[in-house]
Protein backbone atom coordinates (compact mmCIF):
# COMPACT_ATOMS: atom_id res chain seq x y z
CA UNK A 1 -19.18 -2.69 -4.95
CA UNK A 2 -20.71 -0.96 -7.95
CA UNK A 3 -21.75 -3.05 -10.93
CA UNK A 4 -18.65 -2.71 -13.06
CA UNK A 5 -19.15 -5.79 -15.24
CA UNK A 6 -20.25 -5.93 -18.86
CA UNK A 7 -22.57 -8.94 -18.56
CA UNK A 8 -22.23 -9.78 -22.26
CA UNK A 9 -18.43 -10.07 -22.16
CA UNK A 10 -17.83 -10.52 -18.39
CA UNK A 11 -15.29 -7.68 -18.64
CA UNK A 12 -14.88 -5.47 -15.57
CA UNK A 13 -13.57 -1.91 -15.57
CA UNK A 14 -11.20 -0.15 -13.20
CA UNK A 15 -9.30 3.05 -12.50
CA UNK A 16 -5.61 2.94 -11.55
CA UNK A 17 -4.18 6.04 -9.85
CA UNK A 18 -0.47 6.74 -10.00
CA UNK A 19 1.75 9.61 -8.97
CA UNK A 20 3.46 10.55 -12.25
CA UNK A 21 6.81 11.25 -10.55
CA UNK A 22 6.77 7.63 -9.27
CA UNK A 23 5.20 5.79 -12.23
CA UNK A 24 3.88 7.74 -15.22
CA UNK A 25 1.79 6.92 -18.25
CA UNK A 26 4.98 7.24 -20.34
CA UNK A 27 6.65 4.65 -18.07
CA UNK A 28 3.67 2.33 -18.55
CA UNK A 29 3.67 2.77 -22.33
CA UNK A 30 7.42 2.09 -22.48
CA UNK A 31 6.77 -1.46 -21.19
CA UNK A 32 4.86 -2.29 -24.37
CA UNK A 33 2.95 -5.57 -24.54
CA UNK A 34 5.03 -6.97 -21.68
CA UNK A 35 3.20 -4.62 -19.32
CA UNK A 36 4.21 -3.98 -15.75
CA UNK A 37 3.13 -5.07 -12.30
CA UNK A 38 0.97 -2.71 -10.25
CA UNK A 39 2.69 -3.04 -6.90
CA UNK A 40 2.94 -1.11 -3.66
CA UNK A 41 -0.80 -0.97 -2.95
CA UNK A 42 -1.28 -0.98 0.83
CA UNK A 43 -5.00 -0.35 1.15
CA UNK A 44 -7.20 -3.38 1.87
CA UNK A 45 -10.11 -2.20 -0.30
CA UNK A 46 -7.80 -1.44 -3.25
CA UNK A 47 -6.21 -4.88 -2.78
CA UNK A 48 -9.69 -6.46 -2.71
CA UNK A 49 -10.46 -4.68 -5.98
CA UNK A 50 -7.31 -6.13 -7.53
CA UNK A 51 -8.28 -9.63 -6.33
CA UNK A 52 -11.53 -9.24 -8.29
CA UNK A 53 -9.71 -8.49 -11.56
CA UNK A 54 -9.43 -10.97 -14.40
CA UNK A 55 -7.19 -11.11 -17.44
CA UNK A 56 -8.88 -9.03 -20.12
CA UNK A 57 -10.48 -6.52 -17.75
CA UNK A 58 -9.77 -2.94 -18.74
CA UNK A 59 -9.16 0.29 -16.94
CA UNK A 60 -8.13 3.89 -17.13
CA UNK A 61 -4.72 5.10 -16.01
CA UNK A 62 -5.00 8.28 -13.94
CA UNK A 63 -2.22 10.67 -12.93
CA UNK A 64 -2.83 11.84 -9.37
CA UNK A 65 -1.28 14.59 -7.22
CA UNK A 66 -0.71 17.74 -9.32
CA UNK A 67 -1.94 16.56 -12.74
CA UNK A 68 -5.21 14.83 -11.76
CA UNK A 69 -6.18 13.59 -15.21
CA UNK A 70 -6.86 10.44 -17.20
CA UNK A 71 -3.93 9.51 -19.39
CA UNK A 72 -5.06 6.40 -21.25
CA UNK A 73 -6.52 2.92 -21.12
CA UNK A 74 -4.97 -0.32 -19.87
CA UNK A 75 -5.72 -4.05 -19.91
CA UNK A 76 -5.18 -6.57 -17.10
CA UNK A 77 -2.68 -9.16 -18.36
CA UNK A 78 -2.00 -11.09 -15.14
CA UNK A 79 -4.35 -11.69 -12.24
CA UNK A 80 -3.65 -11.02 -8.57
CA UNK A 81 -0.46 -12.55 -7.15
CA UNK A 82 1.80 -11.78 -4.15
CA UNK A 83 3.42 -8.34 -4.13
CA UNK A 84 7.19 -8.77 -3.84
CA UNK A 85 7.46 -5.33 -2.19
CA UNK A 86 5.27 -6.36 0.77
CA UNK A 87 7.47 -7.83 3.53
CA UNK A 88 4.44 -9.16 5.45
CA UNK A 89 2.87 -10.86 2.43
CA UNK A 90 -0.60 -9.36 3.00
CA UNK A 91 -0.97 -7.54 -0.30
CA UNK A 92 -0.85 -8.49 -3.94
CA UNK A 93 -0.48 -6.98 -7.37
CA UNK A 94 -1.70 -7.40 -10.94
CA UNK A 95 0.04 -6.79 -14.25
CA UNK A 96 -1.33 -4.19 -16.65
CA UNK A 97 -0.50 -3.23 -20.23
CA UNK A 98 -1.08 0.16 -21.86
CA UNK A 99 -3.67 0.05 -24.64
CA UNK A 100 -4.30 3.57 -25.87
CA UNK A 101 -3.29 7.14 -25.03
CA UNK A 102 -6.17 9.53 -24.46
CA UNK A 103 -6.59 12.18 -27.14
CA UNK A 104 -7.99 14.42 -24.40
CA UNK A 105 -6.63 14.05 -20.87
CA UNK A 106 -9.85 14.35 -18.88
CA UNK A 107 -9.23 16.29 -15.67
CA UNK A 108 -10.73 15.62 -12.26
CA UNK A 109 -12.62 18.91 -12.57
CA UNK A 110 -14.22 17.73 -15.83
CA UNK A 111 -15.18 14.42 -14.22
CA UNK A 112 -16.73 16.22 -11.24
CA UNK A 113 -18.67 18.50 -13.60
CA UNK A 114 -20.12 15.58 -15.59
CA UNK A 115 -23.50 14.58 -14.08
CA UNK A 116 -23.19 11.02 -15.46
CA UNK A 117 -20.00 10.57 -13.38
CA UNK A 118 -21.16 12.03 -10.05
CA UNK A 119 -21.25 8.56 -8.42
CA UNK A 120 -17.81 7.55 -9.73
CA UNK A 121 -15.44 6.40 -6.98
CA UNK A 122 -12.92 9.00 -8.13
CA UNK A 123 -15.44 11.63 -7.03
CA UNK A 124 -16.85 9.91 -3.94
CA UNK A 125 -13.70 8.18 -2.59
CA UNK A 126 -10.85 9.98 -4.30
CA UNK A 127 -8.08 8.57 -2.06
CA UNK A 128 -8.56 4.96 -3.18
CA UNK A 129 -5.74 4.02 -5.60
CA UNK A 130 -7.53 1.17 -7.41
CA UNK A 131 -11.24 1.72 -8.01
CA UNK A 132 -14.10 -0.01 -9.80
CA UNK A 133 -15.67 1.83 -12.72
CA UNK A 134 -19.20 0.95 -13.86
CA UNK A 135 -19.87 0.09 -17.49
CA UNK A 136 -21.75 3.36 -18.03
CA UNK A 137 -18.94 5.35 -16.36
CA UNK A 138 -16.38 3.50 -18.51
CA UNK A 139 -18.21 4.39 -21.71
CA UNK A 140 -18.62 8.03 -20.67
CA UNK A 141 -14.99 8.47 -19.59
CA UNK A 142 -13.77 6.82 -22.80
CA UNK A 143 -15.95 9.14 -24.88
CA UNK A 144 -14.68 12.21 -23.02
CA UNK A 145 -11.05 11.06 -23.38
CA UNK A 146 -11.28 10.00 -27.02
CA UNK A 147 -10.58 6.37 -26.10
CA UNK A 148 -12.08 3.32 -27.82
CA UNK A 149 -14.12 1.60 -25.06
CA UNK A 150 -13.88 -1.74 -26.91
CA UNK A 151 -10.13 -1.68 -27.60
CA UNK A 152 -8.45 -4.85 -26.38
CA UNK A 153 -5.05 -4.55 -28.09
CA UNK A 154 -2.45 -1.76 -27.92
CA UNK A 155 -2.35 0.99 -30.53
């Protein structure tokens, strides 16, 4: 796994992909500080990524399918626990809370055209729904999207 931890703060960074017709950024924002569980993940690597998350880790919320763009930033508010939608009990979920809406919704094309992001999982393994983001990638994506990389509370 890529080094996605800020060693000074122990914070890790992630990317959460969602189909906007199933769960959109607006849906996430509507949950406020209560947040919402990130359920339905059925990929073992994505589940492993969620197991590595800690309360306080941050991530970007990405609309997949037709939109393919970063919508905003989120914070992990509950660590990995059993996914109630998994009848076999093999997968888990985390809870996330919206922090900030991007002032510029960075597209996949923009990410692919940014040399500093060429090794980002979104570019190299685009099908994975929950991905690690390195500290340098986090800072670059936040800058491109007009997000505060240090924000820890909702706007």
